[in-house]
N, C-alpha and C. Protein backbone atom coordinates (compact mmCIF):
# COMPACT_ATOMS: atom_id res chain seq x y z
N UNK A 1 0.84 -1.15 0.01
CA UNK A 1 0.04 0.02 0.03
C UNK A 1 0.83 1.19 0.00
N UNK A 2 0.64 2.30 -0.80
CA UNK A 2 1.40 3.41 -0.85
C UNK A 2 0.61 4.51 0.09
N UNK A 3 1.61 5.25 0.38
CA UNK A 3 0.92 6.42 1.41
C UNK A 3 0.04 7.25 0.32
N UNK A 4 -1.06 7.63 0.97
CA UNK A 4 -2.00 8.58 0.14
C UNK A 4 -2.53 9.71 1.25
N UNK A 5 -2.80 10.73 0.58
CA UNK A 5 -3.17 12.04 1.04
C UNK A 5 -3.97 12.58 0.05
N UNK A 6 -5.41 12.88 0.57
CA UNK A 6 -6.21 13.63 -0.47
C UNK A 6 -5.82 15.00 -0.92
N UNK A 7 -5.73 15.08 -2.31
CA UNK A 7 -5.46 16.53 -2.67
C UNK A 7 -6.80 17.38 -2.47
N UNK A 8 -6.82 18.55 -2.43
CA UNK A 8 -7.80 19.35 -2.22
C UNK A 8 -8.56 19.26 -3.60
N UNK A 9 -7.93 19.03 -4.79
CA UNK A 9 -8.74 19.29 -6.10
C UNK A 9 -8.93 17.79 -6.55
N UNK A 10 -9.01 16.66 -6.00
CA UNK A 10 -9.24 15.77 -6.54
C UNK A 10 -10.52 15.41 -6.86
N UNK A 11 -10.87 14.29 -7.35
CA UNK A 11 -12.24 14.11 -8.02
C UNK A 11 -13.04 13.48 -6.88
N UNK A 12 -13.76 14.05 -5.96
CA UNK A 12 -14.46 13.45 -4.69
C UNK A 12 -15.34 12.72 -5.13
N UNK A 13 -16.26 12.79 -6.00
CA UNK A 13 -17.28 11.93 -6.40
C UNK A 13 -17.22 10.65 -6.76
N UNK A 14 -15.82 10.58 -7.72
CA UNK A 14 -15.26 9.40 -8.05
C UNK A 14 -14.69 8.64 -6.89
N UNK A 15 -13.91 9.37 -6.11
CA UNK A 15 -13.38 8.74 -4.95
C UNK A 15 -14.49 7.86 -3.95
N UNK A 16 -15.47 8.75 -3.68
CA UNK A 16 -16.65 8.25 -3.02
C UNK A 16 -17.26 7.13 -3.68
N UNK A 17 -17.27 7.23 -5.07
CA UNK A 17 -18.04 6.11 -5.67
C UNK A 17 -17.07 4.69 -5.40
N UNK A 18 -15.82 4.93 -5.38
CA UNK A 18 -14.85 3.99 -5.34
C UNK A 18 -15.12 3.14 -3.98
N UNK A 19 -15.01 4.04 -2.91
CA UNK A 19 -15.45 3.55 -1.56
C UNK A 19 -16.57 2.74 -1.62
N UNK A 20 -17.59 3.32 -2.02
CA UNK A 20 -19.18 2.46 -1.79
C UNK A 20 -18.91 1.17 -2.69
N UNK A 21 -18.14 1.22 -3.58
CA UNK A 21 -18.08 -0.08 -4.75
C UNK A 21 -17.52 -0.97 -4.35
N UNK A 22 -16.24 -0.69 -3.54
CA UNK A 22 -15.45 -1.43 -2.73
C UNK A 22 -16.00 -2.14 -1.20
N UNK A 23 -17.20 -1.18 -0.88
CA UNK A 23 -17.79 -1.78 0.38
C UNK A 23 -18.74 -2.97 0.10
N UNK A 24 -19.49 -2.55 -1.20
CA UNK A 24 -20.58 -3.38 -1.66
C UNK A 24 -19.85 -5.08 -2.00
N UNK A 25 -18.42 -4.91 -2.63
CA UNK A 25 -17.78 -6.09 -3.04
C UNK A 25 -17.46 -6.90 -1.65
N UNK A 26 -16.89 -6.15 -0.68
CA UNK A 26 -16.37 -6.68 0.42
C UNK A 26 -17.62 -7.09 1.20
N UNK A 27 -18.79 -6.64 1.02
CA UNK A 27 -19.98 -7.19 1.88
C UNK A 27 -20.27 -8.35 0.93
N UNK A 28 -20.33 -8.50 -0.12
CA UNK A 28 -20.89 -9.48 -0.91
C UNK A 28 -20.19 -10.84 -0.81
N UNK A 29 -18.48 -10.32 -0.69
CA UNK A 29 -17.74 -11.41 -0.44
C UNK A 29 -17.71 -12.29 0.78
N UNK A 30 -18.15 -11.34 1.96
CA UNK A 30 -18.16 -11.96 3.09
C UNK A 30 -19.49 -12.39 3.54
N UNK A 31 -20.63 -12.23 2.61
CA UNK A 31 -21.78 -12.52 2.96
C UNK A 31 -22.28 -11.45 4.24
N UNK A 32 -22.05 -10.49 4.15
CA UNK A 32 -22.66 -9.35 5.12
C UNK A 32 -23.48 -8.57 4.09
N UNK A 33 -24.33 -7.57 4.80
CA UNK A 33 -25.64 -7.03 4.40
C UNK A 33 -24.95 -5.33 4.55
N UNK A 34 -24.83 -4.57 3.69
CA UNK A 34 -24.76 -3.26 3.37
C UNK A 34 -25.84 -2.87 3.86
N UNK A 35 -26.51 -2.37 4.64
CA UNK A 35 -27.86 -2.05 5.03
C UNK A 35 -27.96 -0.45 4.55
N UNK A 36 -29.22 0.08 4.24
CA UNK A 36 -29.35 1.29 3.83
C UNK A 36 -28.67 2.35 4.76
N UNK A 37 -28.84 2.10 5.88
CA UNK A 37 -28.09 3.13 6.95
C UNK A 37 -26.43 2.79 7.20
N UNK A 38 -26.19 1.70 6.94
CA UNK A 38 -24.43 1.70 6.84
C UNK A 38 -24.19 2.09 5.67
N UNK A 39 -24.79 1.89 4.51
CA UNK A 39 -24.44 2.63 3.35
C UNK A 39 -24.43 4.16 3.45
N UNK A 40 -25.28 4.56 3.88
CA UNK A 40 -25.56 6.40 4.24
C UNK A 40 -24.52 6.80 4.95
N UNK A 41 -24.17 5.98 6.26
CA UNK A 41 -22.97 6.30 7.13
C UNK A 41 -21.54 6.38 6.41
N UNK A 42 -21.38 5.30 5.56
CA UNK A 42 -20.14 5.30 4.72
C UNK A 42 -20.20 6.29 3.78
N UNK A 43 -21.20 6.67 2.82
CA UNK A 43 -21.32 7.62 2.09
C UNK A 43 -20.98 9.05 2.65
N UNK A 44 -21.67 9.17 3.76
CA UNK A 44 -21.56 10.57 4.71
C UNK A 44 -19.81 10.69 4.77
N UNK A 45 -19.23 9.48 5.28
CA UNK A 45 -17.65 9.62 5.79
C UNK A 45 -16.96 9.63 4.30
N UNK A 46 -17.33 8.90 3.35
CA UNK A 46 -16.51 9.25 1.68
C UNK A 46 -16.49 10.46 1.33
N UNK A 47 -17.94 11.12 1.13
CA UNK A 47 -17.96 12.14 0.71
C UNK A 47 -17.27 13.42 1.50
N UNK A 48 -16.98 13.31 2.87
CA UNK A 48 -16.18 14.26 3.99
C UNK A 48 -14.90 14.18 3.56
N UNK A 49 -14.06 13.15 3.41
CA UNK A 49 -12.74 12.88 3.25
C UNK A 49 -11.97 13.55 4.60
N UNK A 50 -12.81 13.81 5.63
CA UNK A 50 -12.30 14.24 6.99
C UNK A 50 -12.77 13.48 8.07
N UNK A 51 -12.13 13.37 9.16
CA UNK A 51 -13.01 12.52 10.07
C UNK A 51 -14.05 13.07 10.78
N UNK A 52 -15.21 12.60 10.86
CA UNK A 52 -16.49 13.28 11.46
C UNK A 52 -16.78 12.29 12.81
N UNK A 53 -17.24 13.15 13.65
CA UNK A 53 -17.72 12.55 14.86
C UNK A 53 -19.23 11.82 14.61
N UNK A 54 -19.31 11.06 15.42
CA UNK A 54 -20.76 10.23 15.35
C UNK A 54 -22.03 11.41 15.26
N UNK A 55 -22.06 12.36 15.93
CA UNK A 55 -23.05 13.33 16.00
C UNK A 55 -23.07 14.15 14.83
N UNK A 56 -21.83 14.34 14.15
CA UNK A 56 -21.95 15.10 12.76
C UNK A 56 -22.54 14.25 11.98
N UNK A 57 -22.11 12.97 11.79
CA UNK A 57 -22.51 11.94 11.01
C UNK A 57 -24.31 12.02 11.01
N UNK A 58 -24.84 12.22 12.21
CA UNK A 58 -26.15 11.90 12.71
C UNK A 58 -26.68 13.18 12.25
N UNK A 59 -26.36 14.56 12.33
CA UNK A 59 -26.88 15.71 11.58
C UNK A 59 -26.71 15.53 10.18
N UNK A 60 -25.78 15.14 9.71
CA UNK A 60 -25.76 14.74 7.87
C UNK A 60 -26.61 13.74 7.47
N UNK A 61 -26.99 12.79 8.48
CA UNK A 61 -27.78 11.85 7.72
C UNK A 61 -29.40 12.22 7.46
N UNK A 62 -29.68 13.04 8.42
CA UNK A 62 -31.01 13.57 8.08
C UNK A 62 -31.29 15.27 8.54
N UNK A 63 -30.61 15.93 7.63
CA UNK A 63 -30.77 17.17 7.76
C UNK A 63 -31.86 18.06 7.94
N UNK A 64 -33.26 17.32 7.57
CA UNK A 64 -34.35 18.16 7.21
C UNK A 64 -35.18 17.45 8.00
N UNK A 65 -35.31 16.19 8.42
CA UNK A 65 -36.27 15.34 8.73
C UNK A 65 -35.62 14.72 10.35
N UNK A 66 -36.60 13.77 10.58
CA UNK A 66 -36.38 13.12 11.74
C UNK A 66 -35.15 12.52 11.89
N UNK A 67 -34.09 12.56 12.87
CA UNK A 67 -33.05 12.01 13.08
C UNK A 67 -32.83 10.62 13.49
N UNK A 68 -32.09 9.56 12.91
CA UNK A 68 -32.30 8.26 13.40
C UNK A 68 -31.54 8.35 14.79
N UNK A 69 -31.94 7.44 15.82
CA UNK A 69 -31.21 7.41 17.10
C UNK A 69 -29.58 7.22 16.83
N UNK A 70 -29.02 7.82 18.07
CA UNK A 70 -27.53 7.79 17.64
C UNK A 70 -27.11 6.47 17.81
N UNK A 71 -27.86 5.40 18.52
CA UNK A 71 -27.25 4.05 18.62
C UNK A 71 -27.25 3.66 17.30
N UNK A 72 -28.18 3.90 16.20
CA UNK A 72 -28.19 3.46 15.04
C UNK A 72 -26.82 3.85 14.23
N UNK A 73 -26.66 4.73 14.40
CA UNK A 73 -25.32 5.55 13.75
C UNK A 73 -23.82 4.71 14.59
N UNK A 74 -23.90 4.40 15.82
CA UNK A 74 -22.79 3.78 16.25
C UNK A 74 -22.81 2.42 15.88
N UNK A 75 -23.89 1.79 15.54
CA UNK A 75 -24.24 0.12 15.18
C UNK A 75 -23.53 0.22 13.70
N UNK A 76 -23.78 1.16 13.24
CA UNK A 76 -23.17 1.32 11.67
C UNK A 76 -21.81 1.40 11.71
N UNK A 77 -21.37 2.45 12.38
CA UNK A 77 -19.88 2.40 12.57
C UNK A 77 -19.45 1.13 12.90
N UNK A 78 -19.71 0.50 14.09
CA UNK A 78 -18.99 -0.74 14.59
C UNK A 78 -18.93 -1.71 13.64
N UNK A 79 -20.29 -1.79 12.67
CA UNK A 79 -20.18 -2.78 11.60
C UNK A 79 -19.08 -2.55 10.51
N UNK A 80 -19.08 -1.34 9.81
CA UNK A 80 -18.26 -0.81 8.88
C UNK A 80 -16.56 -0.61 9.48
N UNK A 81 -16.49 -0.64 10.96
CA UNK A 81 -15.11 -0.76 11.41
C UNK A 81 -14.53 -2.08 11.32
N UNK A 82 -15.61 -2.78 11.73
CA UNK A 82 -15.22 -4.39 11.72
C UNK A 82 -15.07 -5.09 10.42
N UNK A 83 -15.50 -4.56 9.15
CA UNK A 83 -15.14 -4.70 7.95
C UNK A 83 -14.09 -4.20 7.26
N UNK A 84 -13.36 -3.52 8.10
CA UNK A 84 -12.35 -2.45 7.63
C UNK A 84 -12.61 -1.51 6.69
N UNK A 85 -13.63 -0.96 6.68
CA UNK A 85 -14.11 -0.02 5.46
C UNK A 85 -14.11 1.24 6.35
N UNK A 86 -14.07 1.71 7.60
CA UNK A 86 -14.18 2.80 8.17
C UNK A 86 -12.86 2.66 9.45
N UNK A 87 -12.18 3.79 9.61
CA UNK A 87 -11.24 3.71 10.74
C UNK A 87 -11.67 4.67 11.79
N UNK A 88 -11.40 4.40 13.00
CA UNK A 88 -11.54 5.34 13.93
C UNK A 88 -10.20 6.17 14.41
N UNK A 89 -10.55 7.75 14.23
CA UNK A 89 -9.29 8.31 14.52
C UNK A 89 -9.20 8.80 16.13
N UNK A 90 -8.64 7.98 16.98
CA UNK A 90 -8.74 8.19 18.37
C UNK A 90 -8.55 9.60 18.97
N UNK A 91 -7.58 10.09 18.53
CA UNK A 91 -7.35 11.32 19.06
C UNK A 91 -8.40 12.55 18.68
N UNK A 92 -9.11 12.10 17.66
CA UNK A 92 -10.43 13.13 17.51
C UNK A 92 -11.61 12.67 17.81
N UNK A 93 -11.67 11.33 18.36
CA UNK A 93 -12.75 10.74 18.62
C UNK A 93 -13.93 10.86 17.37
N UNK A 94 -13.39 10.55 16.03
CA UNK A 94 -14.02 10.60 15.15
C UNK A 94 -13.81 9.54 13.99
N UNK A 95 -14.44 9.45 12.94
CA UNK A 95 -14.39 8.37 11.96
C UNK A 95 -14.15 8.79 10.61
N UNK A 96 -13.59 7.88 9.84
CA UNK A 96 -12.88 8.22 8.44
C UNK A 96 -13.13 6.91 7.64
N UNK A 97 -13.62 7.47 6.43
CA UNK A 97 -13.90 6.24 5.36
C UNK A 97 -12.45 5.60 4.90
N UNK A 98 -12.15 4.42 4.86
CA UNK A 98 -11.03 3.86 4.53
C UNK A 98 -11.11 3.93 2.79
N UNK A 99 -10.24 4.67 2.36
CA UNK A 99 -9.96 4.69 0.85
C UNK A 99 -8.78 3.58 0.32
N UNK A 100 -8.35 3.11 1.18
CA UNK A 100 -7.27 1.73 0.83
C UNK A 100 -8.02 0.51 0.79
N UNK A 101 -7.17 -0.16 0.04
CA UNK A 101 -7.77 -1.68 0.09
C UNK A 101 -6.55 -2.78 0.71
N UNK A 102 -6.36 -2.11 1.95
CA UNK A 102 -5.57 -3.04 2.59
C UNK A 102 -6.08 -4.09 3.62
N UNK A 103 -5.32 -4.83 4.05
CA UNK A 103 -5.88 -5.99 5.02
C UNK A 103 -6.58 -5.53 6.02
N UNK A 104 -7.72 -6.06 6.58
CA UNK A 104 -8.48 -5.55 7.62
C UNK A 104 -7.55 -6.13 8.80
N UNK A 105 -7.41 -5.04 9.72
CA UNK A 105 -6.51 -5.28 11.05
C UNK A 105 -5.19 -4.68 10.52
N UNK A 106 -4.71 -4.40 9.57
CA UNK A 106 -3.27 -3.96 9.12
C UNK A 106 -2.99 -2.42 9.83
N UNK A 107 -1.86 -2.44 10.25
CA UNK A 107 -1.74 -1.43 11.02
C UNK A 107 -1.18 -0.23 9.91
N UNK A 108 -1.82 0.80 10.02
CA UNK A 108 -2.04 2.17 9.43
C UNK A 108 -1.65 3.32 10.17
N UNK A 109 -0.63 4.33 9.57
CA UNK A 109 -0.46 5.37 10.18
C UNK A 109 -1.17 6.47 9.80
N UNK A 110 -1.95 7.08 10.46
CA UNK A 110 -2.92 8.16 10.07
C UNK A 110 -2.04 9.55 10.09
N UNK A 111 -2.06 10.52 8.87
CA UNK A 111 -1.30 11.55 8.96
C UNK A 111 -2.32 12.70 8.87
N UNK A 112 -2.42 13.26 10.06
CA UNK A 112 -3.65 14.35 10.33
C UNK A 112 -3.05 15.74 10.22
N UNK A 113 -3.43 16.55 9.25
CA UNK A 113 -3.31 17.65 9.07
C UNK A 113 -3.81 18.86 9.92
N UNK A 114 -3.11 19.43 10.69
CA UNK A 114 -3.44 20.34 11.77
C UNK A 114 -4.22 21.78 11.18
N UNK A 115 -3.83 21.87 9.78
CA UNK A 115 -4.33 23.05 9.22
C UNK A 115 -5.74 22.99 8.77
N UNK A 116 -5.75 21.85 7.85
CA UNK A 116 -7.10 21.77 6.98
C UNK A 116 -7.98 20.45 7.47
N UNK A 117 -7.31 19.83 8.38
CA UNK A 117 -7.97 18.57 8.93
C UNK A 117 -8.08 17.60 8.13
N UNK A 118 -7.41 17.40 6.79
CA UNK A 118 -7.34 16.16 6.09
C UNK A 118 -6.43 15.19 7.03
N UNK A 119 -6.89 13.71 6.48
CA UNK A 119 -6.12 12.60 7.09
C UNK A 119 -5.45 11.84 5.72
N UNK A 120 -4.40 11.59 5.88
CA UNK A 120 -3.93 10.69 4.87
C UNK A 120 -3.60 9.26 5.64
N UNK A 121 -3.31 8.28 4.88
CA UNK A 121 -3.24 6.99 5.25
C UNK A 121 -1.57 6.65 4.76
N UNK A 122 -0.51 6.05 5.60
CA UNK A 122 0.61 5.71 5.40
C UNK A 122 0.97 4.24 5.74
N UNK A 123 1.31 3.31 4.87
CA UNK A 123 1.53 2.09 5.38
C UNK A 123 2.49 1.83 6.74
N UNK A 124 2.27 1.11 7.53
CA UNK A 124 3.22 0.91 8.54
C UNK A 124 3.47 -0.39 9.15
N UNK A 125 4.07 -1.09 8.01
CA UNK A 125 4.45 -2.62 8.02
C UNK A 125 5.68 -2.65 9.12
N UNK A 126 6.62 -1.82 8.83
CA UNK A 126 7.74 -1.64 9.53
C UNK A 126 7.52 -1.58 11.23
N UNK A 127 6.83 -0.49 11.24
CA UNK A 127 6.45 -0.03 12.72
C UNK A 127 5.38 -1.09 13.56
N UNK A 128 4.86 -1.95 12.56
CA UNK A 128 3.97 -2.99 13.10
C UNK A 128 4.71 -4.07 13.58
N UNK A 129 5.84 -4.59 12.66
CA UNK A 129 6.70 -5.53 13.03
C UNK A 129 7.47 -5.29 14.26
N UNK A 130 7.67 -3.93 14.41
CA UNK A 130 8.98 -3.66 15.47
C UNK A 130 7.87 -3.52 16.91
N UNK A 131 6.69 -3.37 16.73
CA UNK A 131 5.77 -3.40 18.08
C UNK A 131 5.53 -4.80 18.38
N UNK A 132 4.96 -5.41 17.53
CA UNK A 132 5.10 -6.92 17.79
C UNK A 132 6.13 -7.63 18.31
N UNK A 133 7.32 -7.53 17.68
CA UNK A 133 8.72 -8.08 18.40
C UNK A 133 8.90 -7.17 19.82
N UNK A 134 8.65 -6.24 20.10
CA UNK A 134 8.85 -5.70 21.43
C UNK A 134 7.77 -6.29 22.28
N UNK A 135 6.73 -6.31 22.05
CA UNK A 135 5.45 -6.77 22.78
C UNK A 135 5.69 -8.39 23.13
N UNK A 136 6.15 -9.06 22.07
CA UNK A 136 6.35 -10.47 22.32
C UNK A 136 7.40 -10.54 23.35
N UNK A 137 8.51 -9.77 23.09
CA UNK A 137 9.82 -9.83 24.21
C UNK A 137 9.16 -10.09 25.29
N UNK A 138 7.95 -8.84 25.79
CA UNK A 138 7.51 -9.04 27.19
C UNK A 138 6.21 -9.83 27.48
N UNK A 139 6.09 -10.89 26.68
CA UNK A 139 5.14 -11.51 26.78
C UNK A 139 3.53 -11.09 26.52
N UNK A 140 3.61 -9.89 25.50
CA UNK A 140 2.27 -9.23 25.72
C UNK A 140 1.76 -9.50 24.35
N UNK A 141 0.58 -9.63 24.25
CA UNK A 141 -0.15 -9.80 22.89
C UNK A 141 -0.87 -8.57 22.22
N UNK A 142 -0.22 -7.66 21.64
CA UNK A 142 -1.31 -6.51 21.25
C UNK A 142 -2.78 -6.69 20.43
N UNK A 143 -3.70 -6.37 20.98
CA UNK A 143 -5.08 -6.42 20.13
C UNK A 143 -5.03 -5.30 18.79
N UNK A 144 -4.61 -4.16 19.50
CA UNK A 144 -4.75 -3.18 18.61
C UNK A 144 -3.98 -2.16 18.79
N UNK A 145 -3.18 -1.31 17.77
CA UNK A 145 -2.41 -0.10 17.99
C UNK A 145 -2.93 0.91 16.81
N UNK A 146 -2.95 2.01 17.11
CA UNK A 146 -3.21 3.12 16.35
C UNK A 146 -1.93 4.11 16.53
N UNK A 147 -1.46 4.46 15.16
CA UNK A 147 -0.56 5.53 14.93
C UNK A 147 -1.15 6.73 14.47
N UNK A 148 -1.17 7.90 15.01
CA UNK A 148 -1.68 9.15 14.64
C UNK A 148 -0.48 10.12 14.73
N UNK A 149 0.00 10.61 13.75
CA UNK A 149 0.93 11.70 13.41
C UNK A 149 0.19 13.19 12.91
N UNK A 150 0.41 13.95 13.52
CA UNK A 150 -0.24 15.43 13.25
C UNK A 150 1.08 16.27 12.62
N UNK A 151 0.72 17.19 12.01
CA UNK A 151 1.48 18.00 11.18
C UNK A 151 0.95 18.86 10.12
N UNK A 152 1.62 19.26 9.02
CA UNK A 152 0.99 20.09 8.07
C UNK A 152 1.35 19.22 6.75
N UNK A 153 0.08 19.32 5.69
CA UNK A 153 0.04 18.63 4.53
C UNK A 153 0.93 19.51 3.67
N UNK A 154 1.08 18.73 2.69
CA UNK A 154 2.07 19.40 1.77
C UNK A 154 0.97 20.44 1.06
N UNK A 155 -0.16 20.30 1.02
CA UNK A 155 -1.04 21.39 0.22
C UNK A 155 -1.16 22.62 1.08
N UNK A 156 -1.29 22.31 2.26
CA UNK A 156 -1.32 23.53 3.29
C UNK A 156 0.24 24.24 3.62
N UNK A 157 1.00 23.35 3.12
CA UNK A 157 2.55 24.18 3.47
C UNK A 157 3.04 25.11 2.22
N UNK A 158 2.49 24.73 1.07
CA UNK A 158 2.50 25.42 -0.34
C UNK A 158 1.75 26.76 -0.21
N UNK A 159 0.48 26.77 0.77
CA UNK A 159 0.01 28.06 0.78
C UNK A 159 0.44 29.20 1.67
């Protein structure tokens, strides 16, 4: 997997369509259901290209009508995370559609721009191996690790 960072001028519609198409294929392959609510939550995140909190997603899910219950959004997010279609950005308590096609559970480093809020994904195999080796030497079995790096993206630095 190559490192990716969304350009401000890239084709959002094509990118969002690719995320949804990939989600449909993953769910079909795993015999899982991409329900209308799960699809809507993923679509909102894919259209955003920035991490969104659950309540932000809730607002966008029904801007003019009755809103779904928060638990509905959280359940959809849990499913999407479990399938590797959405990442949780721990430091922001927010969620991001996964634009990559890496293995579910693969360690990814999130590059978070402090200026524009965009988030990129970078492969972290070497870091993952180092963590696993260190943990194993201590008799520890890691379940999950999150790497988040804040800074300024190339687009914002050029401004």
